[in-house]
Amino acid sequence: MRRVCLTLPTNRACAETIRAVAEEAAYGARNFGVEVHLLVLDSSEGHVLAGHRDAVAGLPPVPGVVVHHLDEAEQRAFLREVVARSGVAGPDRVLDLLLPSRVSYGACTDRAFLLAEALGCDSVHRRDSDSRYQSRTGSAESTGTTGSTENSGNSGNSGKSGLAGAPDEVGAPVFPIHHELTSLGRLPADLVGLVSRSRLDPACADRPVAMVGGSFVGEMSVDVAEIHRLDPAVYEDVIGLSVPDGYPEIWRRNLIAEAFRGAGTTPFTRDLSTLTHVSPTRVDMCNIAFTREVYGRVPLPPATDTIGSDYFLVHVVQGARLPGVLHNRHIVNFHTDERRSDAGFLAYHRRLAKYFLSTPYFEAVYGRTAAAGAELLDDGGRVRAAAVAGFVRDSTRLDPAGNRERLDVVDRSYRKLGGRYAEAAEVLAAERERLLDEARTDMEDFALLIDAWDPLIRSTKSVKGITW
């Protein structure tokens, strides 16, 4: 039986989300005849961790669903054995990259990749703790016709065939795993009638679907939304730092206007799925799935305190011209109380600043992967990890002067906004040199992890006693 990993990394209270993702796991097992390994990677502590344990213990048993809940001590024990068996150089350093003491969006997902490999899964499907599922609000009818704008993927085929199950009822949760299990790993020709339309380059039709993703609806980032409300001109200056240098002004303005907004606020009524080369701007990492042929070759950057760093593989898939499916089963975004606190505010803006500083390095790599195109793949259609590692290392030679100017823009902008933004500017100014150094060394660490990744992936198979 095909195994898949539905993972929920978390470091905050999310018992309700755990129960909701468990429902999605049950939906996948029931409608697609797969074994779903629900993997909760928990970095919480104390009463929050205890609440999560209670939530997991209270989940009803479901045929085809296996639940794993690992705290950081359990994750570390697994990783330590994987690293030791891999024989990689600098094992302590590699372990620190996989389980750093600070928040890392990439590292938490890298741990899910390694655990999924150990569990024999073919794909990883990621969700986030600050998200909820939409409910179907319109007609559940389906045409299943390629090119139609009607509901797709609900073709009424038997789940055991690997196709979609019966149409969802009005009011039922809208689970992204529906499209993920319909399309992942299948050749484009097999998806005729199962996706709404195709915009795939015919030259790529012999490659299986490597990624399936959607976005979010609802609130945009609570912190940048406030910047826009306080001063739209400052918002353009700050968010403009995320736009690669050299873009024409009209493109730059469009990218700024679309940034941090997801798929808007339109509620779900019917499915729309597109076979295409998926743009990273159209998906969110709370609503994404990759085949092991992608994450088994290249990990995500283990950069700490850097939002956006976990989108790396989306760019690799697009650059290598691998097929993907973009769908509209968008997840509902919301912000926890912690995000609205002063401590949460400061933590986010430190991570946002690191994102701006990482942008030139990542864009240098993305430009190289896009230029390489299909040459980034080996004869078996797999990503050439050594080439990606080389691109990453080359990026560290960029002149840091541009990043000094980026921090100057952040400093001026935040001081103009005043209040707690001015206070954040003071903190960032005090950390200025460290932030600049980290943006570069994060890429050096990433290249190191890419080099170690293949031995790490292979060593997961020899780890014994996986009984979680």
Protein backbone atom coordinates (compact mmCIF):
# COMPACT_ATOMS: atom_id res chain seq x y z
CA MET A 1 0.00 0.00 0.00
CA ARG A 2 1.24 3.47 -0.88
CA ARG A 3 2.34 5.45 2.17
CA VAL A 4 2.25 9.24 2.45
CA CYS A 5 3.27 11.62 5.22
CA LEU A 6 0.94 14.43 6.28
CA THR A 7 3.02 16.59 8.60
CA LEU A 8 2.26 19.39 11.04
CA PRO A 9 5.33 21.11 12.53
CA THR A 10 4.45 23.30 15.50
CA ASN A 11 5.96 25.29 18.34
CA ARG A 12 2.73 26.74 19.73
CA ALA A 13 -0.65 25.63 21.04
CA CYS A 14 -2.70 24.11 18.22
CA ALA A 15 -4.79 21.21 19.58
CA GLU A 16 -7.69 22.21 17.34
CA THR A 17 -5.45 22.16 14.27
CA ILE A 18 -4.13 18.72 15.20
CA ARG A 19 -7.67 17.39 15.27
CA ALA A 20 -8.49 19.07 11.95
CA VAL A 21 -5.40 17.70 10.20
CA ALA A 22 -6.28 14.26 11.57
CA GLU A 23 -9.62 14.59 9.75
CA GLU A 24 -7.72 15.36 6.56
CA ALA A 25 -5.59 12.26 7.09
CA ALA A 26 -8.74 10.17 7.49
CA TYR A 27 -10.16 11.71 4.30
CA GLY A 28 -7.04 10.77 2.38
CA ALA A 29 -6.98 7.19 3.64
CA ARG A 30 -10.70 6.72 3.05
CA ASN A 31 -10.90 8.16 -0.45
CA PHE A 32 -7.55 7.15 -1.93
CA GLY A 33 -6.76 3.80 -0.38
CA VAL A 34 -3.40 4.99 0.98
CA GLU A 35 -1.76 4.68 4.37
CA VAL A 36 -1.45 8.19 5.79
CA HIS A 37 1.23 8.79 8.40
CA LEU A 38 0.16 11.84 10.38
CA LEU A 39 3.40 13.28 11.73
CA VAL A 40 3.20 16.02 14.38
CA LEU A 41 6.67 17.48 14.99
CA ASP A 42 6.32 19.32 18.26
CA SER A 43 8.78 21.92 19.53
CA SER A 44 6.40 23.05 22.26
CA GLU A 45 7.08 22.59 25.94
CA GLY A 46 5.27 22.33 29.26
CA HIS A 47 1.50 22.59 29.33
CA VAL A 48 1.33 23.24 25.56
CA LEU A 49 3.11 19.98 24.80
CA ALA A 50 0.91 18.18 27.33
CA GLY A 51 -2.19 19.59 25.65
CA HIS A 52 -0.98 18.32 22.31
CA ARG A 53 -0.35 14.87 23.78
CA ASP A 54 -3.93 14.85 25.06
CA ALA A 55 -5.23 15.94 21.66
CA VAL A 56 -3.31 13.16 19.90
CA ALA A 57 -4.39 10.58 22.49
CA GLY A 58 -8.00 11.61 21.94
CA LEU A 59 -7.95 11.08 18.18
CA PRO A 60 -10.28 8.24 17.18
CA PRO A 61 -8.59 5.28 15.50
CA VAL A 62 -9.06 5.38 11.72
CA PRO A 63 -8.22 2.57 9.30
CA GLY A 64 -5.28 3.56 7.17
CA VAL A 65 -4.10 6.39 9.45
CA VAL A 66 -1.00 6.04 11.64
CA VAL A 67 -0.30 8.89 14.05
CA HIS A 68 3.17 9.92 15.23
CA HIS A 69 3.72 12.72 17.77
CA LEU A 70 7.37 13.53 18.44
CA ASP A 71 8.65 16.13 20.86
CA GLU A 72 12.10 17.63 20.32
CA ALA A 73 13.86 15.05 22.49
CA GLU A 74 12.39 12.25 20.37
CA GLN A 75 13.24 14.08 17.16
CA ARG A 76 16.80 14.60 18.35
CA ALA A 77 17.23 10.92 19.20
CA PHE A 78 16.12 9.95 15.71
CA LEU A 79 18.32 12.54 14.03
CA ARG A 80 21.35 11.64 16.11
CA GLU A 81 21.12 8.04 14.93
CA VAL A 82 20.54 9.06 11.31
CA VAL A 83 23.52 11.41 11.36
CA ALA A 84 25.76 8.84 13.05
CA ARG A 85 24.86 6.11 10.57
CA SER A 86 25.32 8.44 7.60
CA GLY A 87 29.03 8.91 8.25
CA VAL A 88 28.89 12.59 7.24
CA ALA A 89 31.71 14.90 8.26
CA GLY A 90 31.00 17.20 11.19
CA PRO A 91 28.08 15.20 12.59
CA ASP A 92 27.45 17.60 15.49
CA ARG A 93 27.25 20.53 13.09
CA VAL A 94 24.83 18.67 10.82
CA LEU A 95 22.66 17.76 13.80
CA ASP A 96 22.56 21.43 14.83
CA LEU A 97 21.43 22.41 11.32
CA LEU A 98 18.60 19.89 11.41
CA LEU A 99 17.46 20.83 14.92
CA PRO A 100 18.66 24.37 15.72
CA SER A 101 17.90 26.13 18.97
CA ARG A 102 16.15 28.96 17.08
CA VAL A 103 13.12 28.87 14.78
CA SER A 104 13.87 27.47 11.32
CA TYR A 105 11.06 26.98 8.83
CA GLY A 106 13.26 24.87 6.60
CA ALA A 107 14.80 22.66 9.29
CA CYS A 108 11.45 21.59 10.75
CA THR A 109 10.36 20.42 7.30
CA ASP A 110 13.72 18.75 6.64
CA ARG A 111 13.09 16.66 9.75
CA ALA A 112 9.72 15.68 8.30
CA PHE A 113 11.43 14.67 5.05
CA LEU A 114 13.87 12.39 6.88
CA LEU A 115 11.17 10.83 9.05
CA ALA A 116 8.93 10.29 6.01
CA GLU A 117 11.80 8.49 4.31
CA ALA A 118 12.35 6.31 7.37
CA LEU A 119 8.64 5.46 7.36
CA GLY A 120 8.71 4.46 3.69
CA CYS A 121 6.51 7.31 2.44
CA ASP A 122 6.33 8.44 -1.20
CA SER A 123 5.43 12.06 -0.50
CA VAL A 124 5.26 14.74 2.20
CA HIS A 125 2.21 16.97 2.61
CA ARG A 126 2.81 19.98 4.88
CA ARG A 127 0.36 22.02 6.94
CA ASP A 128 0.88 24.79 9.52
CA SER A 129 -0.41 25.30 13.05
CA ASP A 130 -1.95 28.72 12.32
CA SER A 131 -4.33 27.59 9.60
CA ARG A 132 -7.81 26.14 9.22
CA TYR A 133 -9.69 24.46 6.38
CA GLN A 134 -12.38 26.10 4.32
CA SER A 135 -15.80 24.51 4.01
CA ARG A 136 -17.57 23.98 0.72
CA THR A 137 -20.11 26.79 0.31
CA GLY A 138 -21.46 26.08 -3.19
CA SER A 139 -22.44 23.25 -5.48
CA ALA A 140 -20.53 20.02 -5.04
CA GLU A 141 -21.20 18.90 -8.59
CA SER A 142 -18.24 17.95 -10.72
CA THR A 143 -17.62 17.73 -14.41
CA GLY A 144 -14.10 16.34 -14.24
CA THR A 145 -13.51 17.73 -17.72
CA THR A 146 -10.11 19.04 -18.69
CA GLY A 147 -10.27 22.72 -19.53
CA SER A 148 -13.47 23.27 -17.59
CA THR A 149 -13.71 25.80 -14.80
CA GLU A 150 -16.04 23.46 -12.97
CA ASN A 151 -15.14 21.36 -9.98
CA SER A 152 -12.24 19.07 -10.89
CA GLY A 153 -10.77 15.96 -9.37
CA ASN A 154 -14.12 14.68 -8.05
CA SER A 155 -14.58 12.23 -10.87
CA GLY A 156 -16.33 9.59 -8.82
CA ASN A 157 -13.61 6.98 -9.47
CA SER A 158 -12.81 4.46 -6.80
CA GLY A 159 -10.27 5.65 -4.24
CA LYS A 160 -8.41 2.34 -4.61
CA SER A 161 -7.49 3.30 -8.13
CA GLY A 162 -5.63 6.30 -6.76
CA LEU A 163 -8.18 8.72 -8.17
CA ALA A 164 -10.54 11.01 -6.35
CA GLY A 165 -13.41 9.77 -4.26
CA ALA A 166 -17.02 10.94 -4.15
CA PRO A 167 -17.74 14.69 -4.33
CA ASP A 168 -17.60 16.53 -1.03
CA GLU A 169 -20.90 17.62 0.45
CA VAL A 170 -21.80 21.26 0.92
CA GLY A 171 -20.49 22.33 4.33
CA ALA A 172 -17.77 19.66 4.39
CA PRO A 173 -14.14 20.70 5.00
CA VAL A 174 -12.15 21.33 1.84
CA PHE A 175 -8.99 19.24 2.15
CA PRO A 176 -5.98 19.98 -0.10
CA ILE A 177 -4.84 16.36 0.16
CA HIS A 178 -7.60 15.62 -2.36
CA HIS A 179 -5.64 17.19 -5.21
CA GLU A 180 -2.30 16.15 -3.82
CA LEU A 181 -3.16 12.44 -3.85
CA THR A 182 -4.94 12.75 -7.17
CA SER A 183 -1.89 14.11 -8.98
CA LEU A 184 1.43 13.61 -7.19
CA GLY A 185 3.84 11.26 -8.95
CA ARG A 186 1.59 10.71 -11.96
CA LEU A 187 2.37 11.50 -15.56
CA PRO A 188 0.48 14.42 -17.10
CA ALA A 189 -1.28 12.09 -19.55
CA ASP A 190 -2.82 10.23 -16.62
CA LEU A 191 -4.45 13.41 -15.32
CA VAL A 192 -6.68 14.06 -18.32
CA GLY A 193 -10.16 14.54 -16.89
CA LEU A 194 -8.80 14.85 -13.35
CA VAL A 195 -7.52 18.41 -13.56
CA SER A 196 -9.58 21.34 -14.77
CA ARG A 197 -7.05 22.50 -17.34
CA SER A 198 -3.49 22.14 -18.52
CA ARG A 199 -0.98 24.90 -19.17
CA LEU A 200 2.02 22.60 -19.14
CA ASP A 201 4.77 22.86 -21.72
CA PRO A 202 4.28 19.75 -23.90
CA ALA A 203 8.04 19.22 -23.83
CA CYS A 204 7.71 18.35 -20.13
CA ALA A 205 4.89 15.84 -20.54
CA ASP A 206 7.17 12.85 -19.92
CA ARG A 207 7.96 13.94 -16.36
CA PRO A 208 5.72 13.04 -13.40
CA VAL A 209 4.06 15.67 -11.24
CA ALA A 210 6.58 16.66 -8.58
CA MET A 211 4.60 19.16 -6.52
CA VAL A 212 1.00 20.08 -5.79
CA GLY A 213 0.07 23.26 -3.98
CA GLY A 214 -2.50 25.89 -3.13
CA SER A 215 -2.40 29.11 -1.17
CA PHE A 216 -4.30 30.67 1.72
CA VAL A 217 -7.30 32.96 2.01
CA GLY A 218 -8.11 35.40 4.75
CA GLU A 219 -5.88 37.80 6.63
CA MET A 220 -2.60 38.87 5.11
CA SER A 221 0.39 39.03 7.43
CA VAL A 222 -0.79 40.91 10.49
CA ASP A 223 2.41 42.94 10.77
CA VAL A 224 2.83 44.06 7.17
CA ALA A 225 -0.91 44.80 6.97
CA GLU A 226 -0.42 47.29 9.77
CA ILE A 227 2.46 48.92 7.88
CA HIS A 228 0.18 49.35 4.86
CA ARG A 229 -2.51 50.89 7.03
CA LEU A 230 -0.09 53.29 8.72
CA ASP A 231 1.72 54.47 5.58
CA PRO A 232 1.24 52.95 2.10
CA ALA A 233 4.39 54.67 0.82
CA VAL A 234 6.51 53.12 3.57
CA TYR A 235 4.85 49.78 2.83
CA GLU A 236 6.02 49.99 -0.79
CA ASP A 237 9.56 50.81 0.32
CA VAL A 238 9.72 47.94 2.80
CA ILE A 239 7.96 45.22 0.82
CA GLY A 240 9.82 46.35 -2.28
CA LEU A 241 12.93 44.88 -0.65
CA SER A 242 11.54 41.44 -1.47
CA VAL A 243 11.50 42.19 -5.21
CA PRO A 244 14.65 41.15 -7.11
CA ASP A 245 16.80 43.98 -8.42
CA GLY A 246 16.34 44.96 -12.04
CA TYR A 247 12.62 44.26 -12.36
CA PRO A 248 10.72 46.76 -14.53
CA GLU A 249 8.76 49.21 -12.40
CA ILE A 250 5.35 47.92 -13.50
CA TRP A 251 6.31 44.35 -12.54
CA ARG A 252 7.78 45.58 -9.29
CA ARG A 253 4.55 47.33 -8.34
CA ASN A 254 2.48 44.27 -9.20
CA LEU A 255 4.70 42.04 -7.07
CA ILE A 256 4.44 44.44 -4.14
CA ALA A 257 0.66 44.59 -4.52
CA GLU A 258 0.39 40.78 -4.47
CA ALA A 259 2.92 40.08 -1.73
CA PHE A 260 1.70 38.52 1.53
CA ARG A 261 -1.91 38.39 0.31
CA GLY A 262 -2.27 34.74 -0.69
CA ALA A 263 -5.36 34.03 -2.77
CA GLY A 264 -7.46 36.87 -1.38
CA THR A 265 -10.74 36.34 0.43
CA THR A 266 -13.02 34.61 -2.09
CA PRO A 267 -14.63 31.55 -0.44
CA PHE A 268 -14.36 28.11 -2.01
CA THR A 269 -17.32 26.96 -4.09
CA ARG A 270 -15.84 24.53 -6.61
CA ASP A 271 -12.51 23.01 -7.55
CA LEU A 272 -10.17 24.50 -10.09
CA SER A 273 -6.88 22.72 -10.68
CA THR A 274 -4.23 23.50 -13.26
CA LEU A 275 -1.43 21.27 -14.53
CA THR A 276 1.44 23.70 -15.00
CA HIS A 277 4.86 24.87 -13.89
CA VAL A 278 3.73 26.27 -10.55
CA SER A 279 4.85 29.79 -9.63
CA PRO A 280 6.16 30.14 -6.07
CA THR A 281 4.04 33.28 -5.70
CA ARG A 282 0.85 31.22 -6.06
CA VAL A 283 1.36 28.73 -3.25
CA ASP A 284 1.91 28.75 0.48
CA MET A 285 3.96 26.31 2.53
CA CYS A 286 0.94 25.56 4.72
CA ASN A 287 -0.63 23.99 1.61
CA ILE A 288 2.05 22.07 -0.27
CA ALA A 289 3.11 18.53 -1.14
CA PHE A 290 6.28 17.14 -2.76
CA THR A 291 7.27 13.72 -4.01
CA ARG A 292 10.33 12.06 -2.50
CA GLU A 293 12.04 12.44 -5.88
CA VAL A 294 12.29 16.15 -4.99
CA TYR A 295 12.99 16.27 -1.23
CA GLY A 296 15.04 13.08 -1.39
CA ARG A 297 17.57 14.99 -3.51
CA VAL A 298 17.71 18.47 -2.00
CA PRO A 299 16.67 19.68 1.48
CA LEU A 300 15.28 23.05 2.49
CA PRO A 301 17.60 25.77 3.82
CA PRO A 302 18.10 25.45 7.59
CA ALA A 303 18.33 29.25 7.98
CA THR A 304 17.13 30.43 11.37
CA ASP A 305 14.70 33.29 11.96
CA THR A 306 14.12 33.75 8.22
CA ILE A 307 10.62 33.70 6.76
CA GLY A 308 10.37 32.55 3.15
CA SER A 309 13.44 30.33 3.32
CA ASP A 310 11.28 27.20 3.15
CA TYR A 311 10.06 28.03 -0.38
CA PHE A 312 13.36 26.92 -1.89
CA LEU A 313 12.12 23.62 -3.35
CA VAL A 314 9.15 25.35 -4.99
CA HIS A 315 11.67 27.44 -6.94
CA VAL A 316 13.78 24.37 -7.76
CA VAL A 317 10.75 22.51 -9.13
CA GLN A 318 9.80 25.50 -11.25
CA GLY A 319 13.35 26.13 -12.45
CA ALA A 320 13.87 22.48 -13.43
CA ARG A 321 10.62 22.59 -15.43
CA LEU A 322 9.06 19.79 -13.43
CA PRO A 323 5.25 19.49 -13.69
CA GLY A 324 3.09 20.63 -10.83
CA VAL A 325 -0.57 21.13 -10.06
CA LEU A 326 -1.94 24.40 -8.71
CA HIS A 327 -5.35 24.14 -7.03
CA ASN A 328 -7.81 26.37 -5.19
CA ARG A 329 -8.41 24.36 -2.03
CA HIS A 330 -6.86 27.24 -0.15
CA ILE A 331 -6.34 27.05 3.58
CA VAL A 332 -7.75 29.75 5.87
CA ASN A 333 -5.04 31.89 7.41
CA PHE A 334 -5.35 33.29 10.93
CA HIS A 335 -2.99 34.75 13.50
CA THR A 336 -2.49 33.38 16.97
CA ASP A 337 -2.49 35.61 20.04
CA GLU A 338 1.29 35.23 20.21
CA ARG A 339 1.66 36.88 16.79
CA ARG A 340 -0.25 39.91 18.11
CA SER A 341 1.90 40.25 21.24
CA ASP A 342 4.88 42.59 21.54
CA ALA A 343 7.26 39.63 21.72
CA GLY A 344 5.65 38.04 18.68
CA PHE A 345 5.82 41.37 16.83
CA LEU A 346 9.54 41.74 17.42
CA ALA A 347 10.27 38.10 16.53
CA TYR A 348 8.38 38.44 13.25
CA HIS A 349 10.16 41.63 12.22
CA ARG A 350 13.54 40.11 12.95
CA ARG A 351 12.55 37.21 10.69
CA LEU A 352 11.24 39.63 8.08
CA ALA A 353 14.54 41.53 8.11
CA LYS A 354 16.43 38.26 7.66
CA TYR A 355 14.13 37.48 4.73
CA PHE A 356 15.05 40.76 3.04
CA LEU A 357 18.74 40.03 3.62
CA SER A 358 18.43 36.49 2.26
CA THR A 359 16.63 37.62 -0.90
CA PRO A 360 19.74 38.52 -2.97
CA TYR A 361 21.38 35.18 -2.16
CA PHE A 362 18.29 33.13 -2.97
CA GLU A 363 17.52 35.10 -6.10
CA ALA A 364 21.05 34.45 -7.35
CA VAL A 365 20.42 30.73 -6.92
CA TYR A 366 16.94 30.87 -8.44
CA GLY A 367 18.30 32.67 -11.48
CA ARG A 368 20.86 29.91 -11.98
CA THR A 369 18.30 27.13 -11.57
CA ALA A 370 15.93 28.81 -14.04
CA ALA A 371 18.76 29.26 -16.54
CA ALA A 372 19.73 25.61 -16.18
CA GLY A 373 16.15 24.43 -16.73
CA ALA A 374 15.96 20.75 -17.59
CA GLU A 375 19.76 20.57 -17.45
CA LEU A 376 19.32 20.68 -13.69
CA LEU A 377 18.00 17.10 -13.98
CA ASP A 378 20.05 13.94 -14.44
CA ASP A 379 19.26 11.21 -16.97
CA GLY A 380 16.68 9.78 -14.59
CA GLY A 381 14.84 13.11 -14.33
CA ARG A 382 16.06 13.76 -10.79
CA VAL A 383 17.44 17.06 -9.53
CA ARG A 384 21.24 17.18 -9.56
CA ALA A 385 21.98 18.10 -5.97
CA ALA A 386 25.65 18.88 -6.63
CA ALA A 387 24.66 21.55 -9.15
CA VAL A 388 22.28 23.17 -6.67
CA ALA A 389 24.94 23.11 -3.94
CA GLY A 390 27.33 24.83 -6.34
CA PHE A 391 24.81 27.57 -7.07
CA VAL A 392 24.29 28.08 -3.34
CA ARG A 393 28.03 28.34 -2.64
CA ASP A 394 28.52 30.77 -5.49
CA SER A 395 25.85 33.04 -4.03
CA THR A 396 27.92 33.62 -0.89
CA ARG A 397 30.38 35.67 -2.96
CA LEU A 398 27.83 38.46 -3.49
CA ASP A 399 28.88 41.95 -2.41
CA PRO A 400 27.25 42.61 1.01
CA ALA A 401 26.94 46.35 0.26
CA GLY A 402 23.46 45.84 -1.15
CA ASN A 403 22.28 44.26 2.08
CA ARG A 404 23.64 47.15 4.11
CA GLU A 405 21.43 49.42 2.01
CA ARG A 406 18.47 47.11 2.63
CA LEU A 407 18.88 47.43 6.37
CA ASP A 408 19.14 51.20 5.95
CA VAL A 409 15.74 51.19 4.22
CA VAL A 410 14.21 49.11 7.01
CA ASP A 411 15.72 51.40 9.64
CA ARG A 412 14.47 54.62 8.02
CA SER A 413 11.04 53.18 7.33
CA TYR A 414 10.45 51.79 10.82
CA ARG A 415 11.62 54.98 12.49
CA LYS A 416 9.21 56.95 10.31
CA LEU A 417 6.34 54.68 11.43
CA GLY A 418 7.27 55.27 15.07
CA GLY A 419 5.88 53.41 18.08
CA ARG A 420 6.89 49.78 18.34
CA TYR A 421 8.31 49.91 14.81
CA ALA A 422 10.84 52.48 16.02
CA GLU A 423 11.62 50.16 18.92
CA ALA A 424 12.12 47.28 16.46
CA ALA A 425 14.46 49.54 14.46
CA GLU A 426 16.59 50.01 17.58
CA VAL A 427 16.81 46.25 18.12
CA LEU A 428 17.68 45.57 14.49
CA ALA A 429 20.31 48.31 14.53
CA ALA A 430 21.96 46.68 17.54
CA GLU A 431 21.96 43.32 15.73
CA ARG A 432 22.96 44.77 12.36
CA GLU A 433 26.37 43.11 11.87
CA ARG A 434 25.17 39.75 13.14
CA LEU A 435 22.18 39.79 10.78
CA LEU A 436 24.40 40.65 7.82
CA ASP A 437 26.84 37.86 8.67
CA GLU A 438 24.07 35.32 9.24
CA ALA A 439 22.47 35.98 5.85
CA ARG A 440 25.69 34.82 4.19
CA THR A 441 26.64 32.03 6.59
CA ASP A 442 23.11 30.63 6.33
CA MET A 443 23.88 29.91 2.67
CA GLU A 444 27.20 28.31 3.55
CA ASP A 445 25.38 26.07 6.02
CA PHE A 446 22.79 25.23 3.40
CA ALA A 447 25.45 24.10 0.92
CA LEU A 448 26.94 21.92 3.66
CA LEU A 449 23.54 20.32 4.32
CA ILE A 450 22.92 19.66 0.62
CA ASP A 451 26.27 17.82 0.48
CA ALA A 452 25.24 15.71 3.49
CA TRP A 453 21.67 15.12 2.35
CA ASP A 454 22.08 11.99 0.23
CA PRO A 455 23.94 10.06 2.97
CA LEU A 456 21.35 11.25 5.49
CA ILE A 457 18.44 10.10 3.32
CA ARG A 458 20.03 6.71 2.73
CA SER A 459 20.84 6.20 6.40
CA THR A 460 17.19 6.60 7.45
CA LYS A 461 16.54 3.10 6.11
CA SER A 462 18.90 1.57 8.66
CA VAL A 463 17.47 3.33 11.71
CA LYS A 464 15.84 0.73 13.93
CA GLY A 465 13.00 0.86 16.38
CA ILE A 466 10.66 3.36 14.74
CA THR A 467 7.63 2.67 16.89
CA TRP A 468 6.24 6.18 17.46
